[in-house]
């Protein structure tokens, strides 16, 4: 996956987001401010498009990405981003009051997704919001045949019902929104014409246990 995105970062560094994605990011920023949450961790920072908006909103930003080239582009913008995997995050338990991850967890197979979500929950504080965006599908796992860059990407395309089941095992789903989105600007080259819609959810991690 890192090899694919290292190449794409060089070939296609600009990735404008769709209006719906921008809207959901602004709503999440408003949520953080309303709850007095002043920091966020992003999993899959890319070149830092969302990161810049968090920083401009006065939210302390930390990001990780598998791609060294994405990290290079993001750090060149003055962003706090490092190379790391969602499977093993280099942060203490409960280190962040919020988490944001867009179009990243669809690269995690169903056999590993619960472990990864547990890792996201581990590094966020009890009662924290975790925002997740994914491209939907008919519960299929494939190597994307449309990718021109080699090696091609792995996709796990999950139905709305499957996604609700997975994340519902790890907290309370406070928000679940979908909208049509296929090979538009946000998707980038080789996203796949078989995308059904984009899925956005906010998972609230379990509250602290009473003493």
Protein backbone atom coordinates (compact mmCIF):
# COMPACT_ATOMS: atom_id res chain seq x y z
CA UNK A 1 0.00 0.00 0.00
CA UNK A 2 2.84 2.37 0.83
CA UNK A 3 4.47 1.68 -2.54
CA UNK A 4 1.24 2.58 -4.37
CA UNK A 5 0.71 5.84 -2.50
CA UNK A 6 4.37 6.84 -2.69
CA UNK A 7 4.02 6.78 -6.46
CA UNK A 8 0.64 8.47 -6.53
CA UNK A 9 1.90 11.25 -4.26
CA UNK A 10 4.41 12.11 -6.97
CA UNK A 11 2.16 11.56 -9.99
CA UNK A 12 -1.05 13.08 -8.57
CA UNK A 13 -0.14 15.33 -5.61
CA UNK A 14 -3.34 17.41 -5.88
CA UNK A 15 -6.49 15.76 -4.53
CA UNK A 16 -9.40 18.21 -4.25
CA UNK A 17 -12.15 16.97 -1.98
CA UNK A 18 -15.82 16.72 -2.88
CA UNK A 19 -18.20 19.28 -1.33
CA UNK A 20 -19.78 16.59 0.84
CA UNK A 21 -16.40 15.63 2.30
CA UNK A 22 -15.63 19.27 3.04
CA UNK A 23 -19.03 19.71 4.69
CA UNK A 24 -18.57 16.70 6.96
CA UNK A 25 -15.10 17.88 7.97
CA UNK A 26 -16.46 21.30 8.89
CA UNK A 27 -19.24 19.67 10.92
CA UNK A 28 -16.70 17.53 12.75
CA UNK A 29 -14.55 20.57 13.52
CA UNK A 30 -17.66 22.30 14.89
CA UNK A 31 -18.38 19.21 17.01
CA UNK A 32 -14.87 19.27 18.47
CA UNK A 33 -15.13 22.94 19.35
CA UNK A 34 -18.56 22.52 20.90
CA UNK A 35 -17.21 19.70 23.10
CA UNK A 36 -14.03 21.59 24.01
CA UNK A 37 -11.78 19.12 22.22
CA UNK A 38 -8.62 20.89 21.06
CA UNK A 39 -6.60 18.08 19.44
CA UNK A 40 -7.13 15.39 16.82
CA UNK A 41 -5.24 12.40 15.42
CA UNK A 42 -5.66 11.61 11.72
CA UNK A 43 -5.04 8.11 10.39
CA UNK A 44 -4.06 8.31 6.70
CA UNK A 45 -3.11 11.98 6.46
CA UNK A 46 -2.33 11.93 2.75
CA UNK A 47 -0.64 15.18 1.69
CA UNK A 48 -2.39 17.06 4.50
CA UNK A 49 -5.54 18.59 2.98
CA UNK A 50 -7.76 17.91 5.99
CA UNK A 51 -4.88 18.56 8.36
CA UNK A 52 -4.49 22.16 7.23
CA UNK A 53 -8.15 22.85 7.96
CA UNK A 54 -7.89 21.39 11.47
CA UNK A 55 -4.84 23.56 12.14
CA UNK A 56 -6.52 26.66 10.72
CA UNK A 57 -9.45 25.99 13.04
CA UNK A 58 -7.09 26.10 16.03
CA UNK A 59 -7.07 22.35 16.67
CA UNK A 60 -3.75 20.72 17.52
CA UNK A 61 -3.08 18.21 14.78
CA UNK A 62 -1.15 14.92 14.70
CA UNK A 63 -1.19 12.68 11.65
CA UNK A 64 0.17 9.33 10.49
CA UNK A 65 0.41 7.76 7.05
CA UNK A 66 2.00 4.63 5.58
CA UNK A 67 3.41 6.58 2.64
CA UNK A 68 6.77 8.27 3.14
CA UNK A 69 6.00 10.60 0.23
CA UNK A 70 2.71 11.69 1.76
CA UNK A 71 4.51 12.37 5.02
CA UNK A 72 7.14 14.38 3.15
CA UNK A 73 4.47 16.51 1.46
CA UNK A 74 2.58 17.03 4.71
CA UNK A 75 5.64 17.94 6.78
CA UNK A 76 6.71 20.37 4.05
CA UNK A 77 3.47 22.20 4.87
CA UNK A 78 4.55 22.44 8.50
CA UNK A 79 2.27 19.64 9.68
CA UNK A 80 3.03 17.15 12.46
CA UNK A 81 2.87 13.89 10.47
CA UNK A 82 4.92 10.71 10.76
CA UNK A 83 5.08 7.29 9.14
CA UNK A 84 3.03 4.72 11.07
CA UNK A 85 0.42 2.02 10.59
CA UNK A 86 -3.08 1.98 12.06
CA UNK A 87 -2.34 -1.59 13.13
CA UNK A 88 0.27 -0.43 15.66
CA UNK A 89 0.05 3.24 16.54
CA UNK A 90 3.03 4.76 18.40
CA UNK A 91 0.89 6.60 20.97
CA UNK A 92 -0.13 6.05 24.57
CA UNK A 93 -3.57 4.86 25.60
CA UNK A 94 -6.14 7.66 25.54
CA UNK A 95 -3.67 10.16 24.09
CA UNK A 96 -6.13 11.98 21.78
CA UNK A 97 -9.52 13.58 22.43
CA UNK A 98 -10.68 12.90 18.86
CA UNK A 99 -9.74 10.92 15.76
CA UNK A 100 -10.34 11.42 12.03
CA UNK A 101 -9.73 8.87 9.24
CA UNK A 102 -11.00 9.18 5.68
CA UNK A 103 -10.76 6.60 2.87
CA UNK A 104 -8.15 4.60 4.78
CA UNK A 105 -9.76 1.69 6.63
CA UNK A 106 -11.12 0.23 3.39
CA UNK A 107 -7.56 -1.05 2.87
CA UNK A 108 -7.88 -3.20 6.01
CA UNK A 109 -9.31 -6.72 5.39
CA UNK A 110 -12.28 -7.92 7.39
CA UNK A 111 -10.02 -10.43 9.14
CA UNK A 112 -8.11 -7.53 10.73
CA UNK A 113 -10.62 -4.69 10.93
CA UNK A 114 -11.74 -5.30 14.52
CA UNK A 115 -8.14 -5.28 15.74
CA UNK A 116 -7.54 -1.99 13.92
CA UNK A 117 -10.69 -0.36 15.31
CA UNK A 118 -9.63 -1.50 18.79
CA UNK A 119 -6.29 0.23 18.19
CA UNK A 120 -8.08 3.45 17.22
CA UNK A 121 -10.20 3.24 20.34
CA UNK A 122 -7.10 2.54 22.44
CA UNK A 123 -5.35 5.78 21.50
CA UNK A 124 -8.45 7.95 21.91
CA UNK A 125 -9.80 9.09 25.24
CA UNK A 126 -12.91 7.50 26.75
CA UNK A 127 -16.01 9.16 25.30
CA UNK A 128 -14.08 10.56 22.32
CA UNK A 129 -15.55 10.91 18.80
CA UNK A 130 -13.93 8.92 15.99
CA UNK A 131 -14.92 10.04 12.46
CA UNK A 132 -14.56 7.43 9.71
CA UNK A 133 -15.12 7.78 5.97
CA UNK A 134 -15.16 4.85 3.51
CA UNK A 135 -16.28 3.90 0.02
CA UNK A 136 -19.10 1.38 0.16
CA UNK A 137 -19.57 -1.89 -1.72
CA UNK A 138 -21.32 -5.24 -1.71
CA UNK A 139 -19.11 -6.76 1.01
CA UNK A 140 -16.34 -7.72 -1.41
CA UNK A 141 -12.57 -7.78 -0.99
CA UNK A 142 -10.52 -7.31 -4.15
CA UNK A 143 -7.24 -6.13 -5.58
CA UNK A 144 -8.40 -3.12 -7.57
CA UNK A 145 -8.23 -4.09 -11.29
CA UNK A 146 -8.49 -0.45 -12.35
CA UNK A 147 -5.29 0.78 -10.70
CA UNK A 148 -2.67 1.77 -13.25
CA UNK A 149 0.00 2.25 -10.59
CA UNK A 150 1.68 -0.98 -9.48
CA UNK A 151 1.32 -2.71 -7.13
CA UNK A 152 -2.46 -2.14 -7.12
CA UNK A 153 -4.45 -1.45 -3.96
CA UNK A 154 -6.43 -3.88 -1.85
CA UNK A 155 -10.01 -2.79 -1.14
CA UNK A 156 -12.51 -4.12 1.37
CA UNK A 157 -15.83 -2.60 0.24
CA UNK A 158 -18.40 -2.96 3.01
CA UNK A 159 -22.15 -2.54 2.95
CA UNK A 160 -23.80 -0.09 5.33
CA UNK A 161 -25.12 -2.96 7.45
CA UNK A 162 -21.69 -4.60 7.72
CA UNK A 163 -20.05 -1.30 8.62
CA UNK A 164 -22.60 -0.64 11.35
CA UNK A 165 -22.03 -4.11 12.80
CA UNK A 166 -18.25 -3.73 12.83
CA UNK A 167 -18.10 -0.30 14.46
CA UNK A 168 -21.08 -0.98 16.71
CA UNK A 169 -18.97 -3.60 18.45
CA UNK A 170 -16.56 -0.88 19.64
CA UNK A 171 -18.80 1.94 20.82
CA UNK A 172 -21.92 3.90 19.98
CA UNK A 173 -22.48 5.05 16.39
CA UNK A 174 -23.78 8.59 16.87
CA UNK A 175 -23.98 9.53 13.21
CA UNK A 176 -24.16 7.58 9.96
CA UNK A 177 -24.48 9.44 6.64
CA UNK A 178 -24.06 8.34 3.03
CA UNK A 179 -24.00 10.15 -0.30
CA UNK A 180 -23.36 9.24 -3.95
CA UNK A 181 -19.68 9.41 -4.78
CA UNK A 182 -17.83 7.42 -7.42
CA UNK A 183 -14.92 8.52 -9.57
CA UNK A 184 -15.14 12.18 -8.59
CA UNK A 185 -12.32 14.48 -7.62
CA UNK A 186 -11.86 13.04 -4.14
CA UNK A 187 -11.64 9.49 -5.39
CA UNK A 188 -8.61 10.05 -7.54
CA UNK A 189 -7.29 7.83 -10.32
CA UNK A 190 -8.38 4.22 -10.17
CA UNK A 191 -10.93 4.58 -7.37
CA UNK A 192 -13.27 2.27 -9.26
CA UNK A 193 -16.53 2.87 -11.09
CA UNK A 194 -18.19 0.22 -8.90
CA UNK A 195 -18.34 2.48 -5.84
CA UNK A 196 -21.93 2.67 -4.58
CA UNK A 197 -21.67 5.62 -2.23
CA UNK A 198 -19.48 7.23 0.41
CA UNK A 199 -20.06 6.31 4.05
CA UNK A 200 -19.37 8.64 6.96
CA UNK A 201 -19.86 7.71 10.59
CA UNK A 202 -18.97 9.07 14.00
CA UNK A 203 -18.22 6.43 16.64
CA UNK A 204 -18.27 7.49 20.28
CA UNK A 205 -15.79 5.45 22.29
CA UNK A 206 -17.02 3.86 25.53
CA UNK A 207 -17.16 6.30 28.46
CA UNK A 208 -14.78 5.94 31.40
CA UNK A 209 -15.60 3.13 33.79
CA UNK A 210 -17.03 4.31 37.13
CA UNK A 211 -14.74 4.07 40.11
